[in-house]
């Protein structure tokens, strides 16, 4: 295995399309940035698609070109890990609408020669999956050994099975849901309004100014980041400890450690993400409802499927709580699908799937080995 195969190949492809979106707009061409790890075997039977979450990207197990940090899921992907380039051909694509190389609001509109900005068409999770299918066709992958994802990545995995059931052998859905709840839509709307209220947003046309709406995007990230954690985890890590001071300031600086932490998360985020992409992807998540696409009955989406499912939830995840996973499991049972489910004890909240979770790794490793 070469170094490129071991650490990932960062690629970008321009597909002529057109891609018919759920909004009934034809998008062409379609650019997709992606990474691959490992080698596709002779009968193309070892491909695993990893689907990333809202603010993730294709750099699943290699260093991020902007931040210089290691990939976001090196605990799951790598040599000796459950998803192993020595055994699997691993593909991770930047989703449609994002800002790490795939077509999105920052892309150049061929009709004007300028960034699309808010003229980019509104997209859905299903549109993201259709773009991924185009990429897999380009790579010569007709059927996936497995599709794997957490959070919004898990939504994409479910959409894959609902849209292309014959192309997915196994599905691993972690800390996710089959539709976005009213509470989650509400949190997203707070973030979007923070971005659009920033004077530097300029109706989305801020690219040429070189001065993006960083303050609004930072606040959006801070609000969202709270939902990724748990009260137990925040209390354990920060409590009511003051930040670098012995007494309260009686002002509005970051008196508490948790305040400083959230501000730091917001500042770091604006270095690597685009505000308009945040608007588009959160809207895609809000529109997500697989049951709605199938007459209001979730089981209908998976009727007759031969795909094997593994669902994982975490006890302290209140963004996508265990009840959401159980709803999917019940629907799969009603559809006579093969499904395994485990709830893992964790105090890390929704972000548990990105952190050190040995039990999760054991579950995924066993499930994927049985699928091979």
Protein backbone atom coordinates (compact mmCIF):
# COMPACT_ATOMS: atom_id res chain seq x y z
CA UNK A 1 0.00 0.00 0.00
CA UNK A 2 1.40 3.36 -1.02
CA UNK A 3 1.47 6.46 1.17
CA UNK A 4 -1.33 7.97 -0.94
CA UNK A 5 -3.50 4.91 -0.40
CA UNK A 6 -2.71 4.92 3.31
CA UNK A 7 -3.29 8.59 4.05
CA UNK A 8 -5.87 9.49 1.42
CA UNK A 9 -6.06 10.99 -2.03
CA UNK A 10 -7.66 14.43 -2.14
CA UNK A 11 -9.40 14.80 -5.47
CA UNK A 12 -11.91 16.92 -7.30
CA UNK A 13 -14.04 15.94 -10.28
CA UNK A 14 -16.23 17.98 -12.62
CA UNK A 15 -19.25 16.00 -13.79
CA UNK A 16 -21.20 17.50 -16.65
CA UNK A 17 -24.59 16.39 -15.32
CA UNK A 18 -27.10 17.85 -15.24
CA UNK A 19 -28.21 16.92 -11.75
CA UNK A 20 -31.97 17.38 -11.35
CA UNK A 21 -32.55 18.78 -7.86
CA UNK A 22 -35.66 18.40 -5.70
CA UNK A 23 -36.31 22.10 -6.35
CA UNK A 24 -36.73 21.12 -10.03
CA UNK A 25 -33.61 23.04 -10.98
CA UNK A 26 -30.97 21.37 -13.17
CA UNK A 27 -27.49 21.91 -11.79
CA UNK A 28 -24.64 21.64 -14.29
CA UNK A 29 -21.80 21.09 -14.13
CA UNK A 30 -21.49 19.38 -10.74
CA UNK A 31 -18.15 19.59 -8.97
CA UNK A 32 -17.41 17.13 -6.20
CA UNK A 33 -14.37 17.20 -3.92
CA UNK A 34 -13.61 13.86 -2.33
CA UNK A 35 -10.97 11.67 -0.74
CA UNK A 36 -10.29 7.99 -1.23
CA UNK A 37 -8.31 5.55 0.89
CA UNK A 38 -7.31 2.02 -0.04
CA UNK A 39 -7.87 0.26 -3.35
CA UNK A 40 -11.03 -0.90 -5.08
CA UNK A 41 -10.79 -4.67 -5.47
CA UNK A 42 -11.25 -6.57 -8.72
CA UNK A 43 -15.00 -7.09 -8.40
CA UNK A 44 -15.60 -3.64 -6.85
CA UNK A 45 -17.14 -5.23 -3.75
CA UNK A 46 -15.17 -3.52 -0.96
CA UNK A 47 -16.30 0.11 -1.27
CA UNK A 48 -17.44 2.01 1.81
CA UNK A 49 -18.95 5.47 1.55
CA UNK A 50 -18.50 7.71 4.58
CA UNK A 51 -21.02 10.55 4.81
CA UNK A 52 -20.00 13.59 6.84
CA UNK A 53 -22.01 15.80 9.18
CA UNK A 54 -23.12 19.42 8.75
CA UNK A 55 -19.75 21.13 9.18
CA UNK A 56 -17.61 18.15 8.22
CA UNK A 57 -15.79 17.57 4.96
CA UNK A 58 -14.01 14.96 2.88
CA UNK A 59 -10.89 15.00 5.08
CA UNK A 60 -12.09 12.11 7.19
CA UNK A 61 -8.69 10.61 8.01
CA UNK A 62 -6.07 13.00 6.63
CA UNK A 63 -4.86 16.44 7.65
CA UNK A 64 -7.18 19.32 6.97
CA UNK A 65 -5.63 21.73 4.44
CA UNK A 66 -6.94 24.83 6.26
CA UNK A 67 -6.57 23.99 9.94
CA UNK A 68 -3.71 21.51 9.66
CA UNK A 69 -5.50 19.22 12.11
CA UNK A 70 -5.94 15.49 11.68
CA UNK A 71 -9.06 14.14 10.01
CA UNK A 72 -12.36 14.31 11.86
CA UNK A 73 -12.84 10.52 12.18
CA UNK A 74 -9.37 9.05 12.62
CA UNK A 75 -10.76 7.05 15.54
CA UNK A 76 -12.91 5.11 13.08
CA UNK A 77 -10.93 5.20 9.82
CA UNK A 78 -7.35 4.04 9.35
CA UNK A 79 -5.05 1.07 9.56
CA UNK A 80 -6.30 -1.38 12.15
CA UNK A 81 -9.52 0.62 12.61
CA UNK A 82 -13.08 -0.61 11.85
CA UNK A 83 -12.93 1.06 8.42
CA UNK A 84 -9.49 0.05 7.17
CA UNK A 85 -7.81 1.01 3.86
CA UNK A 86 -6.05 -2.36 3.95
CA UNK A 87 -9.44 -4.04 3.49
CA UNK A 88 -11.75 -1.36 2.13
CA UNK A 89 -11.90 1.19 -0.66
CA UNK A 90 -13.07 4.22 1.31
CA UNK A 91 -14.75 7.24 -0.27
CA UNK A 92 -15.73 10.45 1.51
CA UNK A 93 -17.16 13.32 -0.54
CA UNK A 94 -17.73 16.92 0.45
CA UNK A 95 -21.52 17.36 0.29
CA UNK A 96 -23.27 19.46 -2.30
CA UNK A 97 -23.68 22.99 -0.97
CA UNK A 98 -20.56 22.90 1.19
CA UNK A 99 -17.38 24.91 0.88
CA UNK A 100 -14.47 22.47 0.61
CA UNK A 101 -14.53 22.02 -3.15
CA UNK A 102 -17.97 20.68 -4.04
CA UNK A 103 -20.54 22.81 -5.85
CA UNK A 104 -22.03 25.36 -3.47
CA UNK A 105 -22.81 29.05 -3.04
CA UNK A 106 -19.11 30.00 -3.22
CA UNK A 107 -18.72 28.23 -6.59
CA UNK A 108 -18.50 30.23 -9.79
CA UNK A 109 -21.73 30.52 -11.73
CA UNK A 110 -20.75 29.77 -15.36
CA UNK A 111 -23.49 32.14 -16.55
CA UNK A 112 -22.04 35.19 -14.79
CA UNK A 113 -18.43 34.35 -13.93
CA UNK A 114 -19.19 35.35 -10.31
CA UNK A 115 -19.86 33.27 -7.19
CA UNK A 116 -23.42 31.95 -7.04
CA UNK A 117 -23.91 33.28 -3.50
CA UNK A 118 -27.65 33.08 -2.72
CA UNK A 119 -28.42 32.39 -6.38
CA UNK A 120 -27.26 28.81 -5.80
CA UNK A 121 -30.36 26.58 -5.80
CA UNK A 122 -31.71 25.34 -2.48
CA UNK A 123 -30.72 21.72 -1.94
CA UNK A 124 -31.90 18.69 0.03
CA UNK A 125 -30.26 15.67 1.63
CA UNK A 126 -31.55 13.65 -1.33
CA UNK A 127 -29.77 16.03 -3.71
CA UNK A 128 -26.54 15.43 -1.79
CA UNK A 129 -27.03 11.67 -2.16
CA UNK A 130 -27.74 11.94 -5.88
CA UNK A 131 -24.47 13.85 -6.31
CA UNK A 132 -22.64 11.14 -4.37
CA UNK A 133 -24.20 8.52 -6.65
CA UNK A 134 -22.83 10.41 -9.65
CA UNK A 135 -19.40 10.34 -8.04
CA UNK A 136 -19.57 6.60 -7.35
CA UNK A 137 -20.61 5.99 -10.96
CA UNK A 138 -17.54 7.95 -12.01
CA UNK A 139 -15.36 5.82 -9.72
CA UNK A 140 -16.78 2.54 -11.03
CA UNK A 141 -18.59 1.65 -7.81
CA UNK A 142 -21.97 0.15 -8.61
CA UNK A 143 -22.78 -1.20 -5.16
CA UNK A 144 -21.47 -0.25 -1.74
CA UNK A 145 -20.32 -2.77 0.79
CA UNK A 146 -21.56 -0.20 3.30
CA UNK A 147 -22.59 3.41 3.76
CA UNK A 148 -21.60 4.86 7.13
CA UNK A 149 -22.37 8.21 8.77
CA UNK A 150 -23.16 10.05 11.96
CA UNK A 151 -25.56 12.97 12.51
CA UNK A 152 -26.30 14.51 9.08
CA UNK A 153 -24.10 11.73 7.70
CA UNK A 154 -26.57 9.22 9.10
CA UNK A 155 -29.38 11.07 7.35
CA UNK A 156 -27.53 10.65 4.07
CA UNK A 157 -27.09 6.92 4.77
CA UNK A 158 -30.83 6.51 5.33
CA UNK A 159 -31.53 8.53 2.18
CA UNK A 160 -29.13 6.31 0.24
CA UNK A 161 -31.10 3.20 1.19
CA UNK A 162 -34.44 4.89 0.47
CA UNK A 163 -33.29 6.20 -2.91
CA UNK A 164 -30.88 3.48 -4.11
CA UNK A 165 -31.75 0.35 -2.08
CA UNK A 166 -30.05 -1.97 -4.54
CA UNK A 167 -26.74 -0.10 -4.18
CA UNK A 168 -26.24 -0.39 -0.41
CA UNK A 169 -25.30 -3.72 1.16
CA UNK A 170 -25.07 -2.45 4.73
CA UNK A 171 -25.94 0.81 6.45
CA UNK A 172 -24.43 2.20 9.67
CA UNK A 173 -26.46 5.09 11.10
CA UNK A 174 -25.00 6.78 14.19
CA UNK A 175 -26.60 9.49 16.36
CA UNK A 176 -29.11 10.46 13.70
CA UNK A 177 -32.79 10.66 12.81
CA UNK A 178 -35.20 10.03 9.94
CA UNK A 179 -36.46 13.61 10.04
CA UNK A 180 -35.53 16.94 11.57
CA UNK A 181 -37.59 17.85 14.63
CA UNK A 182 -39.26 21.21 15.27
CA UNK A 183 -36.72 21.89 18.03
CA UNK A 184 -33.79 21.29 15.69
CA UNK A 185 -35.33 23.47 12.98
CA UNK A 186 -35.69 26.18 15.61
CA UNK A 187 -32.01 26.01 16.58
CA UNK A 188 -31.01 26.21 12.93
CA UNK A 189 -33.19 29.25 12.39
CA UNK A 190 -31.42 31.05 15.26
CA UNK A 191 -28.10 30.39 13.55
CA UNK A 192 -29.32 31.51 10.15
CA UNK A 193 -30.76 34.70 11.54
CA UNK A 194 -27.47 35.45 13.30
CA UNK A 195 -25.66 35.19 9.96
CA UNK A 196 -28.18 37.22 7.99
CA UNK A 197 -28.32 39.93 10.67
CA UNK A 198 -24.57 40.52 10.32
CA UNK A 199 -24.17 43.68 8.15
CA UNK A 200 -21.23 42.01 6.43
CA UNK A 201 -23.50 39.29 5.04
CA UNK A 202 -24.65 41.74 2.32
CA UNK A 203 -27.49 39.50 1.18
CA UNK A 204 -24.96 36.74 0.57
CA UNK A 205 -22.78 38.76 -1.83
CA UNK A 206 -19.74 39.13 0.40
CA UNK A 207 -17.16 37.09 -1.54
CA UNK A 208 -15.63 39.95 -3.49
CA UNK A 209 -15.31 42.14 -0.40
CA UNK A 210 -12.92 39.76 1.35
CA UNK A 211 -14.74 40.58 4.58
CA UNK A 212 -17.23 37.77 5.35
CA UNK A 213 -19.90 37.86 8.09
CA UNK A 214 -17.62 36.25 10.64
CA UNK A 215 -19.44 37.59 13.70
CA UNK A 216 -22.78 36.15 12.60
CA UNK A 217 -21.29 32.81 11.62
CA UNK A 218 -19.42 32.63 14.92
CA UNK A 219 -22.63 33.15 16.90
CA UNK A 220 -24.40 30.53 14.77
CA UNK A 221 -21.64 28.07 15.58
CA UNK A 222 -21.77 28.87 19.28
CA UNK A 223 -25.51 28.21 19.41
CA UNK A 224 -25.18 24.97 17.47
CA UNK A 225 -22.21 23.78 19.49
CA UNK A 226 -24.29 23.83 22.66
CA UNK A 227 -26.61 21.25 21.08
CA UNK A 228 -23.67 18.94 20.36
CA UNK A 229 -22.78 18.71 24.06
CA UNK A 230 -24.67 17.60 27.16
CA UNK A 231 -25.44 19.31 30.45
CA UNK A 232 -23.53 16.57 32.25
CA UNK A 233 -20.51 17.03 30.01
CA UNK A 234 -20.52 20.82 30.30
CA UNK A 235 -20.85 20.64 34.08
CA UNK A 236 -18.08 18.07 34.33
CA UNK A 237 -15.72 20.05 32.09
CA UNK A 238 -16.50 23.65 33.12
CA UNK A 239 -19.06 23.85 35.90
CA UNK A 240 -19.28 27.49 37.00
CA UNK A 241 -15.53 28.00 36.97
CA UNK A 242 -14.32 31.50 36.17
CA UNK A 243 -12.02 32.14 33.23
CA UNK A 244 -8.56 33.44 34.21
CA UNK A 245 -9.84 35.57 37.07
CA UNK A 246 -10.51 35.32 40.79
CA UNK A 247 -13.81 37.19 40.88
CA UNK A 248 -16.71 38.15 38.64
CA UNK A 249 -16.04 41.23 36.52
CA UNK A 250 -19.59 42.62 36.78
CA UNK A 251 -19.37 43.21 33.03
CA UNK A 252 -20.00 41.29 29.84
CA UNK A 253 -16.60 39.83 29.12
CA UNK A 254 -16.24 36.04 29.26
CA UNK A 255 -16.38 35.62 33.04
CA UNK A 256 -17.01 31.88 32.87
CA UNK A 257 -14.87 29.19 31.30
CA UNK A 258 -17.82 27.88 29.31
CA UNK A 259 -18.31 31.33 27.75
CA UNK A 260 -14.67 31.50 26.72
CA UNK A 261 -14.89 27.97 25.31
CA UNK A 262 -17.88 28.80 23.13
CA UNK A 263 -16.29 32.01 21.84
CA UNK A 264 -13.16 30.05 20.95
CA UNK A 265 -15.25 27.47 19.07
CA UNK A 266 -16.93 30.24 17.10
CA UNK A 267 -13.64 31.91 16.15
CA UNK A 268 -12.07 28.63 15.05
CA UNK A 269 -15.08 27.73 12.95
CA UNK A 270 -15.08 30.87 10.78
CA UNK A 271 -11.53 30.05 9.69
CA UNK A 272 -12.71 26.98 7.79
CA UNK A 273 -16.38 27.41 6.89
CA UNK A 274 -18.50 29.59 4.63
CA UNK A 275 -21.53 31.42 6.01
CA UNK A 276 -23.71 30.86 2.94
CA UNK A 277 -22.90 27.15 2.98
CA UNK A 278 -24.08 27.08 6.57
CA UNK A 279 -27.41 28.54 5.47
CA UNK A 280 -27.84 26.03 2.65
CA UNK A 281 -26.87 22.90 4.56
CA UNK A 282 -28.96 23.69 7.63
CA UNK A 283 -31.95 24.28 5.34
CA UNK A 284 -31.33 20.90 3.67
CA UNK A 285 -31.39 19.24 7.09
CA UNK A 286 -34.60 21.03 8.03
CA UNK A 287 -36.31 19.75 4.87
CA UNK A 288 -35.24 16.16 5.62
CA UNK A 289 -38.16 13.82 6.34
CA UNK A 290 -37.98 10.38 4.76
CA UNK A 291 -41.50 9.42 5.84
CA UNK A 292 -42.89 12.52 4.13
CA UNK A 293 -41.29 11.33 0.91
CA UNK A 294 -43.11 7.98 1.23
CA UNK A 295 -46.72 8.82 2.02
CA UNK A 296 -46.06 9.67 5.66
CA UNK A 297 -45.05 6.11 6.65
CA UNK A 298 -41.37 5.57 7.42
CA UNK A 299 -41.54 1.79 7.01
CA UNK A 300 -42.64 2.27 3.40
CA UNK A 301 -39.27 3.85 2.59
CA UNK A 302 -37.55 0.56 3.44
CA UNK A 303 -40.15 -1.94 2.24
CA UNK A 304 -38.49 -4.97 0.70
CA UNK A 305 -34.96 -3.74 1.36
CA UNK A 306 -32.16 -6.31 1.52
CA UNK A 307 -29.81 -3.82 3.22
CA UNK A 308 -28.50 -4.75 6.67
CA UNK A 309 -28.74 -1.94 9.23
CA UNK A 310 -26.77 -1.03 12.33
CA UNK A 311 -28.07 1.87 14.41
CA UNK A 312 -26.19 3.44 17.31
CA UNK A 313 -27.33 6.14 19.74
CA UNK A 314 -25.87 7.73 22.87
CA UNK A 315 -27.58 8.18 26.22
CA UNK A 316 -26.74 11.89 26.62
CA UNK A 317 -27.49 12.95 23.03
CA UNK A 318 -30.45 15.33 23.22
CA UNK A 319 -30.02 16.64 19.68
CA UNK A 320 -30.83 13.23 18.15
CA UNK A 321 -31.92 11.24 21.21
CA UNK A 322 -32.28 7.47 21.39
CA UNK A 323 -36.01 7.80 20.75
CA UNK A 324 -35.20 8.94 17.19
CA UNK A 325 -33.10 5.83 16.56
CA UNK A 326 -35.79 3.60 18.05
CA UNK A 327 -38.31 5.16 15.66
CA UNK A 328 -36.12 4.09 12.75
CA UNK A 329 -35.63 0.62 14.24
CA UNK A 330 -39.39 0.17 14.62
CA UNK A 331 -39.92 1.19 11.01
CA UNK A 332 -37.23 -1.23 9.84
CA UNK A 333 -38.80 -4.02 11.87
CA UNK A 334 -42.15 -3.23 10.26
CA UNK A 335 -40.44 -3.47 6.86
CA UNK A 336 -38.92 -6.86 7.83
CA UNK A 337 -35.42 -5.46 7.45
CA UNK A 338 -32.33 -6.91 9.13
CA UNK A 339 -31.46 -4.42 11.88
CA UNK A 340 -29.19 -4.25 14.91
CA UNK A 341 -29.41 -1.47 17.50
CA UNK A 342 -27.32 -0.40 20.48
CA UNK A 343 -27.53 2.54 22.85
CA UNK A 344 -24.12 3.47 24.28
CA UNK A 345 -23.60 5.08 27.65
CA UNK A 346 -21.78 8.40 27.24
CA UNK A 347 -21.67 11.82 28.88
CA UNK A 348 -20.35 13.55 25.75
CA UNK A 349 -23.72 14.32 24.15
CA UNK A 350 -24.19 14.28 20.38
CA UNK A 351 -20.46 14.70 19.73
CA UNK A 352 -19.81 11.28 21.29
CA UNK A 353 -19.67 9.70 17.83
CA UNK A 354 -16.62 11.84 16.99
CA UNK A 355 -14.81 11.19 20.25
CA UNK A 356 -13.13 8.19 21.81
CA UNK A 357 -15.88 5.56 21.94
CA UNK A 358 -14.37 2.06 22.06
CA UNK A 359 -17.77 0.37 22.31
CA UNK A 360 -18.96 2.14 19.15
CA UNK A 361 -15.83 1.01 17.34
CA UNK A 362 -16.35 -2.58 18.46
CA UNK A 363 -19.96 -2.54 17.24
CA UNK A 364 -19.09 -1.04 13.86
CA UNK A 365 -16.08 -3.34 13.38
CA UNK A 366 -18.12 -6.47 14.09
CA UNK A 367 -20.97 -5.34 11.87
CA UNK A 368 -18.73 -4.52 8.90
CA UNK A 369 -16.72 -7.74 9.22
CA UNK A 370 -19.95 -9.71 9.09
CA UNK A 371 -20.88 -7.78 5.94
CA UNK A 372 -17.63 -8.54 4.10
